[in-house]
Amino acid sequence: MTKPDVPAELTTLRGSIDNIDAALVHLLAERFKCTQRVGMLKAEHGLPPADPGREERQIQRLRTLATSAGLDPVFAEKFLNFIIAEVIHHHERISETKPLGSVSE
């Protein structure tokens, strides 16, 4: 048997989780808008879709931030690796469709 206040607390916590999830989606959308522009610039200037040095610096930075925030740095790295893989995929598609030296709108 549960205490009467447990369902109310679950509802409150789940509402907070829903709000955080919505914020994460919006933040990811903003991040991908920026990375889309990065992909366009790379394609316009003949730069490769991936930048392993930058990616490694970002992973290390995120691991440090995760540790400071009390989040598992291994999880944070997996999360960022997933995002990086998707960004590189987007950059590859952009470079295939945008001719070198073309000017963006």
PDB file of N, CA and C in Angstrom:
ATOM      1  N   MET A   1       0.844  -1.185   0.000  1.00  0.00           N
ATOM      2  CA  MET A   1       0.000   0.000   0.000  1.00  0.00           C
ATOM      3  C   MET A   1       0.892   1.252   0.000  1.00  0.00           C
ATOM      4  N   THR A   2       0.512   2.246  -0.797  1.00  0.00           N
ATOM      5  CA  THR A   2       1.299   3.473  -0.885  1.00  0.00           C
ATOM      6  C   THR A   2       0.689   4.559  -0.006  1.00  0.00           C
ATOM      7  N   LYS A   3       1.534   5.458   0.406  1.00  0.00           N
ATOM      8  CA  LYS A   3       1.071   6.610   1.173  1.00  0.00           C
ATOM      9  C   LYS A   3       0.297   7.520   0.226  1.00  0.00           C
ATOM     10  N   PRO A   4      -0.680   8.250   0.738  1.00  0.00           N
ATOM     11  CA  PRO A   4      -1.494   9.104  -0.133  1.00  0.00           C
ATOM     12  C   PRO A   4      -0.708  10.182  -0.869  1.00  0.00           C
ATOM     13  N   ASP A   5       0.402  10.644  -0.298  1.00  0.00           N
ATOM     14  CA  ASP A   5       1.151  11.726  -0.939  1.00  0.00           C
ATOM     15  C   ASP A   5       2.086  11.229  -2.042  1.00  0.00           C
ATOM     16  N   VAL A   6       2.309   9.904  -2.132  1.00  0.00           N
ATOM     17  CA  VAL A   6       3.220   9.369  -3.144  1.00  0.00           C
ATOM     18  C   VAL A   6       2.695   9.612  -4.563  1.00  0.00           C
ATOM     19  N   PRO A   7       1.428   9.302  -4.874  1.00  0.00           N
ATOM     20  CA  PRO A   7       0.953   9.583  -6.239  1.00  0.00           C
ATOM     21  C   PRO A   7       1.056  11.063  -6.615  1.00  0.00           C
ATOM     22  N   ALA A   8       0.789  11.941  -5.673  1.00  0.00           N
ATOM     23  CA  ALA A   8       0.895  13.379  -5.955  1.00  0.00           C
ATOM     24  C   ALA A   8       2.341  13.763  -6.235  1.00  0.00           C
ATOM     25  N   GLU A   9       3.264  13.204  -5.469  1.00  0.00           N
ATOM     26  CA  GLU A   9       4.679  13.507  -5.690  1.00  0.00           C
ATOM     27  C   GLU A   9       5.146  12.948  -7.034  1.00  0.00           C
ATOM     28  N   LEU A  10       4.682  11.732  -7.365  1.00  0.00           N
ATOM     29  CA  LEU A  10       5.023  11.157  -8.676  1.00  0.00           C
ATOM     30  C   LEU A  10       4.520  12.045  -9.807  1.00  0.00           C
ATOM     31  N   THR A  11       3.308  12.535  -9.672  1.00  0.00           N
ATOM     32  CA  THR A  11       2.739  13.414 -10.695  1.00  0.00           C
ATOM     33  C   THR A  11       3.566  14.684 -10.830  1.00  0.00           C
ATOM     34  N   THR A  12       3.958  15.257  -9.717  1.00  0.00           N
ATOM     35  CA  THR A  12       4.779  16.471  -9.740  1.00  0.00           C
ATOM     36  C   THR A  12       6.129  16.207 -10.388  1.00  0.00           C
ATOM     37  N   LEU A  13       6.781  15.123  -9.979  1.00  0.00           N
ATOM     38  CA  LEU A  13       8.092  14.793 -10.551  1.00  0.00           C
ATOM     39  C   LEU A  13       7.988  14.504 -12.044  1.00  0.00           C
ATOM     40  N   ARG A  14       6.962  13.779 -12.438  1.00  0.00           N
ATOM     41  CA  ARG A  14       6.785  13.472 -13.861  1.00  0.00           C
ATOM     42  C   ARG A  14       6.503  14.731 -14.667  1.00  0.00           C
ATOM     43  N   GLY A  15       5.793  15.675 -14.078  1.00  0.00           N
ATOM     44  CA  GLY A  15       5.583  16.954 -14.751  1.00  0.00           C
ATOM     45  C   GLY A  15       6.894  17.689 -14.956  1.00  0.00           C
ATOM     46  N   SER A  16       7.749  17.652 -13.948  1.00  0.00           N
ATOM     47  CA  SER A  16       9.078  18.268 -14.082  1.00  0.00           C
ATOM     48  C   SER A  16       9.886  17.577 -15.169  1.00  0.00           C
ATOM     49  N   ILE A  17       9.847  16.247 -15.188  1.00  0.00           N
ATOM     50  CA  ILE A  17      10.564  15.491 -16.222  1.00  0.00           C
ATOM     51  C   ILE A  17      10.051  15.866 -17.605  1.00  0.00           C
ATOM     52  N   ASP A  18       8.741  15.972 -17.756  1.00  0.00           N
ATOM     53  CA  ASP A  18       8.164  16.352 -19.051  1.00  0.00           C
ATOM     54  C   ASP A  18       8.658  17.727 -19.491  1.00  0.00           C
ATOM     55  N   ASN A  19       8.717  18.665 -18.556  1.00  0.00           N
ATOM     56  CA  ASN A  19       9.204  20.012 -18.884  1.00  0.00           C
ATOM     57  C   ASN A  19      10.680  19.991 -19.270  1.00  0.00           C
ATOM     58  N   ILE A  20      11.469  19.228 -18.546  1.00  0.00           N
ATOM     59  CA  ILE A  20      12.899  19.122 -18.862  1.00  0.00           C
ATOM     60  C   ILE A  20      13.088  18.475 -20.227  1.00  0.00           C
ATOM     61  N   ASP A  21      12.314  17.417 -20.514  1.00  0.00           N
ATOM     62  CA  ASP A  21      12.404  16.770 -21.829  1.00  0.00           C
ATOM     63  C   ASP A  21      12.074  17.756 -22.951  1.00  0.00           C
ATOM     64  N   ALA A  22      11.051  18.567 -22.750  1.00  0.00           N
ATOM     65  CA  ALA A  22      10.692  19.565 -23.764  1.00  0.00           C
ATOM     66  C   ALA A  22      11.831  20.564 -23.953  1.00  0.00           C
ATOM     67  N   ALA A  23      12.439  20.993 -22.856  1.00  0.00           N
ATOM     68  CA  ALA A  23      13.567  21.927 -22.954  1.00  0.00           C
ATOM     69  C   ALA A  23      14.732  21.284 -23.693  1.00  0.00           C
ATOM     70  N   LEU A  24      15.014  20.012 -23.410  1.00  0.00           N
ATOM     71  CA  LEU A  24      16.097  19.311 -24.107  1.00  0.00           C
ATOM     72  C   LEU A  24      15.849  19.260 -25.611  1.00  0.00           C
ATOM     73  N   VAL A  25      14.617  18.978 -26.002  1.00  0.00           N
ATOM     74  CA  VAL A  25      14.289  18.927 -27.431  1.00  0.00           C
ATOM     75  C   VAL A  25      14.532  20.281 -28.075  1.00  0.00           C
ATOM     76  N   HIS A  26      14.101  21.344 -27.419  1.00  0.00           N
ATOM     77  CA  HIS A  26      14.301  22.684 -27.982  1.00  0.00           C
ATOM     78  C   HIS A  26      15.781  23.055 -28.028  1.00  0.00           C
ATOM     79  N   LEU A  27      16.533  22.691 -27.004  1.00  0.00           N
ATOM     80  CA  LEU A  27      17.977  22.956 -27.006  1.00  0.00           C
ATOM     81  C   LEU A  27      18.680  22.174 -28.111  1.00  0.00           C
ATOM     82  N   LEU A  28      18.287  20.921 -28.297  1.00  0.00           N
ATOM     83  CA  LEU A  28      18.884  20.132 -29.383  1.00  0.00           C
ATOM     84  C   LEU A  28      18.549  20.731 -30.745  1.00  0.00           C
ATOM     85  N   ALA A  29      17.318  21.214 -30.900  1.00  0.00           N
ATOM     86  CA  ALA A  29      16.937  21.846 -32.166  1.00  0.00           C
ATOM     87  C   ALA A  29      17.806  23.071 -32.429  1.00  0.00           C
ATOM     88  N   GLU A  30      18.045  23.882 -31.408  1.00  0.00           N
ATOM     89  CA  GLU A  30      18.909  25.057 -31.567  1.00  0.00           C
ATOM     90  C   GLU A  30      20.340  24.641 -31.886  1.00  0.00           C
ATOM     91  N   ARG A  31      20.811  23.598 -31.223  1.00  0.00           N
ATOM     92  CA  ARG A  31      22.169  23.110 -31.479  1.00  0.00           C
ATOM     93  C   ARG A  31      22.299  22.658 -32.928  1.00  0.00           C
ATOM     94  N   PHE A  32      21.301  21.927 -33.424  1.00  0.00           N
ATOM     95  CA  PHE A  32      21.371  21.438 -34.792  1.00  0.00           C
ATOM     96  C   PHE A  32      21.236  22.566 -35.818  1.00  0.00           C
ATOM     97  N   LYS A  33      20.564  23.649 -35.466  1.00  0.00           N
ATOM     98  CA  LYS A  33      20.552  24.813 -36.362  1.00  0.00           C
ATOM     99  C   LYS A  33      21.972  25.362 -36.511  1.00  0.00           C
ATOM    100  N   CYS A  34      22.693  25.440 -35.405  1.00  0.00           N
ATOM    101  CA  CYS A  34      24.084  25.919 -35.451  1.00  0.00           C
ATOM    102  C   CYS A  34      24.969  24.954 -36.225  1.00  0.00           C
ATOM    103  N   THR A  35      24.827  23.658 -35.959  1.00  0.00           N
ATOM    104  CA  THR A  35      25.687  22.696 -36.650  1.00  0.00           C
ATOM    105  C   THR A  35      25.343  22.606 -38.131  1.00  0.00           C
ATOM    106  N   GLN A  36      24.102  22.896 -38.485  1.00  0.00           N
ATOM    107  CA  GLN A  36      23.720  22.942 -39.904  1.00  0.00           C
ATOM    108  C   GLN A  36      24.512  24.050 -40.602  1.00  0.00           C
ATOM    109  N   ARG A  37      24.602  25.188 -39.963  1.00  0.00           N
ATOM    110  CA  ARG A  37      25.361  26.309 -40.530  1.00  0.00           C
ATOM    111  C   ARG A  37      26.847  25.965 -40.608  1.00  0.00           C
ATOM    112  N   VAL A  38      27.371  25.289 -39.580  1.00  0.00           N
ATOM    113  CA  VAL A  38      28.762  24.836 -39.614  1.00  0.00           C
ATOM    114  C   VAL A  38      28.969  23.921 -40.816  1.00  0.00           C
ATOM    115  N   GLY A  39      28.038  23.005 -41.042  1.00  0.00           N
ATOM    116  CA  GLY A  39      28.137  22.096 -42.184  1.00  0.00           C
ATOM    117  C   GLY A  39      28.139  22.833 -43.509  1.00  0.00           C
ATOM    118  N   MET A  40      27.329  23.868 -43.609  1.00  0.00           N
ATOM    119  CA  MET A  40      27.292  24.674 -44.839  1.00  0.00           C
ATOM    120  C   MET A  40      28.638  25.364 -45.054  1.00  0.00           C
ATOM    121  N   LEU A  41      29.182  25.959 -44.010  1.00  0.00           N
ATOM    122  CA  LEU A  41      30.477  26.635 -44.125  1.00  0.00           C
ATOM    123  C   LEU A  41      31.581  25.652 -44.501  1.00  0.00           C
ATOM    124  N   LYS A  42      31.569  24.483 -43.884  1.00  0.00           N
ATOM    125  CA  LYS A  42      32.572  23.471 -44.222  1.00  0.00           C
ATOM    126  C   LYS A  42      32.467  23.081 -45.693  1.00  0.00           C
ATOM    127  N   ALA A  43      31.252  22.853 -46.160  1.00  0.00           N
ATOM    128  CA  ALA A  43      31.056  22.460 -47.554  1.00  0.00           C
ATOM    129  C   ALA A  43      31.496  23.573 -48.500  1.00  0.00           C
ATOM    130  N   GLU A  44      31.151  24.805 -48.178  1.00  0.00           N
ATOM    131  CA  GLU A  44      31.510  25.940 -49.026  1.00  0.00           C
ATOM    132  C   GLU A  44      33.015  26.112 -49.148  1.00  0.00           C
ATOM    133  N   HIS A  45      33.739  25.726 -48.117  1.00  0.00           N
ATOM    134  CA  HIS A  45      35.186  25.953 -48.095  1.00  0.00           C
ATOM    135  C   HIS A  45      36.005  24.672 -48.216  1.00  0.00           C
ATOM    136  N   GLY A  46      35.340  23.594 -48.593  1.00  0.00           N
ATOM    137  CA  GLY A  46      36.042  22.343 -48.841  1.00  0.00           C
ATOM    138  C   GLY A  46      36.641  21.696 -47.607  1.00  0.00           C
ATOM    139  N   LEU A  47      36.072  21.972 -46.456  1.00  0.00           N
ATOM    140  CA  LEU A  47      36.562  21.368 -45.214  1.00  0.00           C
ATOM    141  C   LEU A  47      35.875  20.024 -44.986  1.00  0.00           C
ATOM    142  N   PRO A  48      36.548  19.093 -44.330  1.00  0.00           N
ATOM    143  CA  PRO A  48      35.947  17.776 -44.112  1.00  0.00           C
ATOM    144  C   PRO A  48      34.767  17.845 -43.143  1.00  0.00           C
ATOM    145  N   PRO A  49      33.793  16.942 -43.297  1.00  0.00           N
ATOM    146  CA  PRO A  49      32.627  16.939 -42.408  1.00  0.00           C
ATOM    147  C   PRO A  49      32.983  16.707 -40.939  1.00  0.00           C
ATOM    148  N   ALA A  50      34.009  15.911 -40.679  1.00  0.00           N
ATOM    149  CA  ALA A  50      34.394  15.606 -39.298  1.00  0.00           C
ATOM    150  C   ALA A  50      35.642  16.393 -38.910  1.00  0.00           C
ATOM    151  N   ASP A  51      35.726  16.715 -37.634  1.00  0.00           N
ATOM    152  CA  ASP A  51      36.896  17.395 -37.072  1.00  0.00           C
ATOM    153  C   ASP A  51      37.262  16.659 -35.781  1.00  0.00           C
ATOM    154  N   PRO A  52      38.023  15.560 -35.897  1.00  0.00           N
ATOM    155  CA  PRO A  52      38.312  14.724 -34.727  1.00  0.00           C
ATOM    156  C   PRO A  52      38.924  15.478 -33.544  1.00  0.00           C
ATOM    157  N   GLY A  53      39.768  16.465 -33.798  1.00  0.00           N
ATOM    158  CA  GLY A  53      40.358  17.238 -32.707  1.00  0.00           C
ATOM    159  C   GLY A  53      39.301  18.002 -31.934  1.00  0.00           C
ATOM    160  N   ARG A  54      38.427  18.680 -32.653  1.00  0.00           N
ATOM    161  CA  ARG A  54      37.326  19.426 -32.022  1.00  0.00           C
ATOM    162  C   ARG A  54      36.411  18.469 -31.261  1.00  0.00           C
ATOM    163  N   GLU A  55      36.114  17.335 -31.887  1.00  0.00           N
ATOM    164  CA  GLU A  55      35.221  16.370 -31.252  1.00  0.00           C
ATOM    165  C   GLU A  55      35.809  15.875 -29.936  1.00  0.00           C
ATOM    166  N   GLU A  56      37.092  15.569 -29.919  1.00  0.00           N
ATOM    167  CA  GLU A  56      37.734  15.084 -28.695  1.00  0.00           C
ATOM    168  C   GLU A  56      37.738  16.164 -27.617  1.00  0.00           C
ATOM    169  N   ARG A  57      37.984  17.410 -28.011  1.00  0.00           N
ATOM    170  CA  ARG A  57      37.949  18.508 -27.026  1.00  0.00           C
ATOM    171  C   ARG A  57      36.542  18.658 -26.443  1.00  0.00           C
ATOM    172  N   GLN A  58      35.540  18.537 -27.299  1.00  0.00           N
ATOM    173  CA  GLN A  58      34.157  18.647 -26.831  1.00  0.00           C
ATOM    174  C   GLN A  58      33.813  17.517 -25.867  1.00  0.00           C
ATOM    175  N   ILE A  59      34.251  16.312 -26.193  1.00  0.00           N
ATOM    176  CA  ILE A  59      33.973  15.168 -25.324  1.00  0.00           C
ATOM    177  C   ILE A  59      34.618  15.384 -23.960  1.00  0.00           C
ATOM    178  N   GLN A  60      35.866  15.804 -23.945  1.00  0.00           N
ATOM    179  CA  GLN A  60      36.552  16.042 -22.669  1.00  0.00           C
ATOM    180  C   GLN A  60      35.873  17.162 -21.882  1.00  0.00           C
ATOM    181  N   ARG A  61      35.469  18.215 -22.579  1.00  0.00           N
ATOM    182  CA  ARG A  61      34.786  19.335 -21.922  1.00  0.00           C
ATOM    183  C   ARG A  61      33.461  18.866 -21.313  1.00  0.00           C
ATOM    184  N   LEU A  62      32.715  18.072 -22.078  1.00  0.00           N
ATOM    185  CA  LEU A  62      31.429  17.593 -21.586  1.00  0.00           C
ATOM    186  C   LEU A  62      31.602  16.617 -20.417  1.00  0.00           C
ATOM    187  N   ARG A  63      32.637  15.793 -20.463  1.00  0.00           N
ATOM    188  CA  ARG A  63      32.903  14.881 -19.341  1.00  0.00           C
ATOM    189  C   ARG A  63      33.183  15.683 -18.065  1.00  0.00           C
ATOM    190  N   THR A  64      33.941  16.762 -18.193  1.00  0.00           N
ATOM    191  CA  THR A  64      34.239  17.613 -17.039  1.00  0.00           C
ATOM    192  C   THR A  64      32.969  18.274 -16.519  1.00  0.00           C
ATOM    193  N   LEU A  65      32.162  18.806 -17.434  1.00  0.00           N
ATOM    194  CA  LEU A  65      30.894  19.421 -17.026  1.00  0.00           C
ATOM    195  C   LEU A  65      29.985  18.406 -16.348  1.00  0.00           C
ATOM    196  N   ALA A  66      29.930  17.206 -16.911  1.00  0.00           N
ATOM    197  CA  ALA A  66      29.080  16.160 -16.335  1.00  0.00           C
ATOM    198  C   ALA A  66      29.516  15.836 -14.912  1.00  0.00           C
ATOM    199  N   THR A  67      30.808  15.673 -14.729  1.00  0.00           N
ATOM    200  CA  THR A  67      31.326  15.367 -13.394  1.00  0.00           C
ATOM    201  C   THR A  67      30.962  16.481 -12.414  1.00  0.00           C
ATOM    202  N   SER A  68      31.120  17.727 -12.843  1.00  0.00           N
ATOM    203  CA  SER A  68      30.779  18.875 -11.984  1.00  0.00           C
ATOM    204  C   SER A  68      29.295  18.905 -11.640  1.00  0.00           C
ATOM    205  N   ALA A  69      28.469  18.420 -12.571  1.00  0.00           N
ATOM    206  CA  ALA A  69      27.021  18.444 -12.371  1.00  0.00           C
ATOM    207  C   ALA A  69      26.499  17.194 -11.663  1.00  0.00           C
ATOM    208  N   GLY A  70      27.398  16.259 -11.343  1.00  0.00           N
ATOM    209  CA  GLY A  70      26.957  15.035 -10.684  1.00  0.00           C
ATOM    210  C   GLY A  70      26.352  14.023 -11.640  1.00  0.00           C
ATOM    211  N   LEU A  71      26.696  14.127 -12.918  1.00  0.00           N
ATOM    212  CA  LEU A  71      26.208  13.207 -13.947  1.00  0.00           C
ATOM    213  C   LEU A  71      27.345  12.271 -14.339  1.00  0.00           C
ATOM    214  N   ASP A  72      27.017  11.042 -14.624  1.00  0.00           N
ATOM    215  CA  ASP A  72      28.018  10.053 -15.020  1.00  0.00           C
ATOM    216  C   ASP A  72      28.722  10.525 -16.293  1.00  0.00           C
ATOM    217  N   PRO A  73      30.035  10.755 -16.256  1.00  0.00           N
ATOM    218  CA  PRO A  73      30.749  11.235 -17.439  1.00  0.00           C
ATOM    219  C   PRO A  73      30.754  10.227 -18.584  1.00  0.00           C
ATOM    220  N   VAL A  74      30.655   8.946 -18.280  1.00  0.00           N
ATOM    221  CA  VAL A  74      30.581   7.930 -19.340  1.00  0.00           C
ATOM    222  C   VAL A  74      29.268   8.085 -20.100  1.00  0.00           C
ATOM    223  N   PHE A  75      28.176   8.298 -19.370  1.00  0.00           N
ATOM    224  CA  PHE A  75      26.889   8.542 -20.012  1.00  0.00           C
ATOM    225  C   PHE A  75      26.955   9.807 -20.861  1.00  0.00           C
ATOM    226  N   ALA A  76      27.527  10.867 -20.315  1.00  0.00           N
ATOM    227  CA  ALA A  76      27.631  12.130 -21.050  1.00  0.00           C
ATOM    228  C   ALA A  76      28.422  11.945 -22.336  1.00  0.00           C
ATOM    229  N   GLU A  77      29.489  11.160 -22.278  1.00  0.00           N
ATOM    230  CA  GLU A  77      30.293  10.910 -23.475  1.00  0.00           C
ATOM    231  C   GLU A  77      29.499  10.130 -24.511  1.00  0.00           C
ATOM    232  N   LYS A  78      28.761   9.122 -24.078  1.00  0.00           N
ATOM    233  CA  LYS A  78      27.928   8.347 -25.009  1.00  0.00           C
ATOM    234  C   LYS A  78      26.896   9.254 -25.677  1.00  0.00           C
ATOM    235  N   PHE A  79      26.297  10.120 -24.879  1.00  0.00           N
ATOM    236  CA  PHE A  79      25.289  11.050 -25.390  1.00  0.00           C
ATOM    237  C   PHE A  79      25.899  11.976 -26.439  1.00  0.00           C
ATOM    238  N   LEU A  80      27.053  12.556 -26.128  1.00  0.00           N
ATOM    239  CA  LEU A  80      27.695  13.461 -27.077  1.00  0.00           C
ATOM    240  C   LEU A  80      28.171  12.713 -28.315  1.00  0.00           C
ATOM    241  N   ASN A  81      28.679  11.503 -28.151  1.00  0.00           N
ATOM    242  CA  ASN A  81      29.095  10.721 -29.320  1.00  0.00           C
ATOM    243  C   ASN A  81      27.927  10.467 -30.261  1.00  0.00           C
ATOM    244  N   PHE A  82      26.751  10.218 -29.704  1.00  0.00           N
ATOM    245  CA  PHE A  82      25.558  10.029 -30.525  1.00  0.00           C
ATOM    246  C   PHE A  82      25.243  11.305 -31.310  1.00  0.00           C
ATOM    247  N   ILE A  83      25.300  12.440 -30.629  1.00  0.00           N
ATOM    248  CA  ILE A  83      25.029  13.721 -31.288  1.00  0.00           C
ATOM    249  C   ILE A  83      26.084  14.007 -32.354  1.00  0.00           C
ATOM    250  N   ILE A  84      27.351  13.790 -32.040  1.00  0.00           N
ATOM    251  CA  ILE A  84      28.433  14.036 -33.001  1.00  0.00           C
ATOM    252  C   ILE A  84      28.248  13.186 -34.245  1.00  0.00           C
ATOM    253  N   ALA A  85      27.900  11.915 -34.068  1.00  0.00           N
ATOM    254  CA  ALA A  85      27.689  11.034 -35.218  1.00  0.00           C
ATOM    255  C   ALA A  85      26.571  11.561 -36.111  1.00  0.00           C
ATOM    256  N   GLU A  86      25.515  12.051 -35.509  1.00  0.00           N
ATOM    257  CA  GLU A  86      24.398  12.597 -36.285  1.00  0.00           C
ATOM    258  C   GLU A  86      24.818  13.877 -37.003  1.00  0.00           C
ATOM    259  N   VAL A  87      25.568  14.733 -36.336  1.00  0.00           N
ATOM    260  CA  VAL A  87      26.053  15.975 -36.950  1.00  0.00           C
ATOM    261  C   VAL A  87      26.959  15.660 -38.139  1.00  0.00           C
ATOM    262  N   ILE A  88      27.871  14.714 -37.978  1.00  0.00           N
ATOM    263  CA  ILE A  88      28.764  14.344 -39.081  1.00  0.00           C
ATOM    264  C   ILE A  88      27.952  13.815 -40.252  1.00  0.00           C
ATOM    265  N   HIS A  89      26.946  13.006 -39.956  1.00  0.00           N
ATOM    266  CA  HIS A  89      26.067  12.496 -41.019  1.00  0.00           C
ATOM    267  C   HIS A  89      25.408  13.662 -41.766  1.00  0.00           C
ATOM    268  N   HIS A  90      24.911  14.642 -41.033  1.00  0.00           N
ATOM    269  CA  HIS A  90      24.306  15.829 -41.665  1.00  0.00           C
ATOM    270  C   HIS A  90      25.343  16.568 -42.510  1.00  0.00           C
ATOM    271  N   HIS A  91      26.551  16.736 -41.981  1.00  0.00           N
ATOM    272  CA  HIS A  91      27.601  17.451 -42.713  1.00  0.00           C
ATOM    273  C   HIS A  91      27.981  16.702 -43.986  1.00  0.00           C
ATOM    274  N   GLU A  92      28.003  15.383 -43.930  1.00  0.00           N
ATOM    275  CA  GLU A  92      28.304  14.596 -45.131  1.00  0.00           C
ATOM    276  C   GLU A  92      27.230  14.796 -46.187  1.00  0.00           C
ATOM    277  N   ARG A  93      25.979  14.805 -45.761  1.00  0.00           N
ATOM    278  CA  ARG A  93      24.885  15.037 -46.723  1.00  0.00           C
ATOM    279  C   ARG A  93      24.981  16.430 -47.328  1.00  0.00           C
ATOM    280  N   ILE A  94      25.292  17.419 -46.512  1.00  0.00           N
ATOM    281  CA  ILE A  94      25.433  18.785 -47.021  1.00  0.00           C
ATOM    282  C   ILE A  94      26.566  18.853 -48.032  1.00  0.00           C
ATOM    283  N   SER A  95      27.705  18.248 -47.712  1.00  0.00           N
ATOM    284  CA  SER A  95      28.862  18.327 -48.616  1.00  0.00           C
ATOM    285  C   SER A  95      28.601  17.602 -49.928  1.00  0.00           C
ATOM    286  N   GLU A  96      27.718  16.606 -49.920  1.00  0.00           N
ATOM    287  CA  GLU A  96      27.368  15.896 -51.151  1.00  0.00           C
ATOM    288  C   GLU A  96      26.454  16.724 -52.043  1.00  0.00           C
ATOM    289  N   THR A  97      25.672  17.610 -51.455  1.00  0.00           N
ATOM    290  CA  THR A  97      24.694  18.374 -52.226  1.00  0.00           C
ATOM    291  C   THR A  97      25.111  19.810 -52.503  1.00  0.00           C
ATOM    292  N   LYS A  98      26.096  20.323 -51.786  1.00  0.00           N
ATOM    293  CA  LYS A  98      26.509  21.720 -51.951  1.00  0.00           C
ATOM    294  C   LYS A  98      27.859  21.763 -52.646  1.00  0.00           C
ATOM    295  N   PRO A  99      27.901  22.305 -53.849  1.00  0.00           N
ATOM    296  CA  PRO A  99      29.181  22.378 -54.563  1.00  0.00           C
ATOM    297  C   PRO A  99      30.197  23.261 -53.844  1.00  0.00           C
ATOM    298  N   LEU A 100      31.458  22.881 -53.939  1.00  0.00           N
ATOM    299  CA  LEU A 100      32.556  23.643 -53.344  1.00  0.00           C
ATOM    300  C   LEU A 100      32.544  25.074 -53.858  1.00  0.00           C
ATOM    301  N   GLY A 101      32.663  26.015 -52.965  1.00  0.00           N
ATOM    302  CA  GLY A 101      32.740  27.420 -53.338  1.00  0.00           C
ATOM    303  C   GLY A 101      31.395  28.082 -53.557  1.00  0.00           C
ATOM    304  N   SER A 102      30.290  27.335 -53.414  1.00  0.00           N
ATOM    305  CA  SER A 102      28.989  27.967 -53.605  1.00  0.00           C
ATOM    306  C   SER A 102      28.674  28.820 -52.390  1.00  0.00           C
ATOM    307  N   VAL A 103      27.902  29.841 -52.601  1.00  0.00           N
ATOM    308  CA  VAL A 103      27.582  30.789 -51.541  1.00  0.00           C
ATOM    309  C   VAL A 103      26.215  30.441 -50.982  1.00  0.00           C
ATOM    310  N   SER A 104      26.107  30.447 -49.664  1.00  0.00           N
ATOM    311  CA  SER A 104      24.822  30.150 -49.040  1.00  0.00           C
ATOM    312  C   SER A 104      23.921  31.371 -49.118  1.00  0.00           C
ATOM    313  N   GLU A 105      22.640  31.124 -48.871  1.00  0.00           N
ATOM    314  CA  GLU A 105      21.643  32.202 -48.933  1.00  0.00           C
ATOM    315  C   GLU A 105      21.788  33.158 -47.796  1.00  0.00           C
TER     316      GLU A 105
END
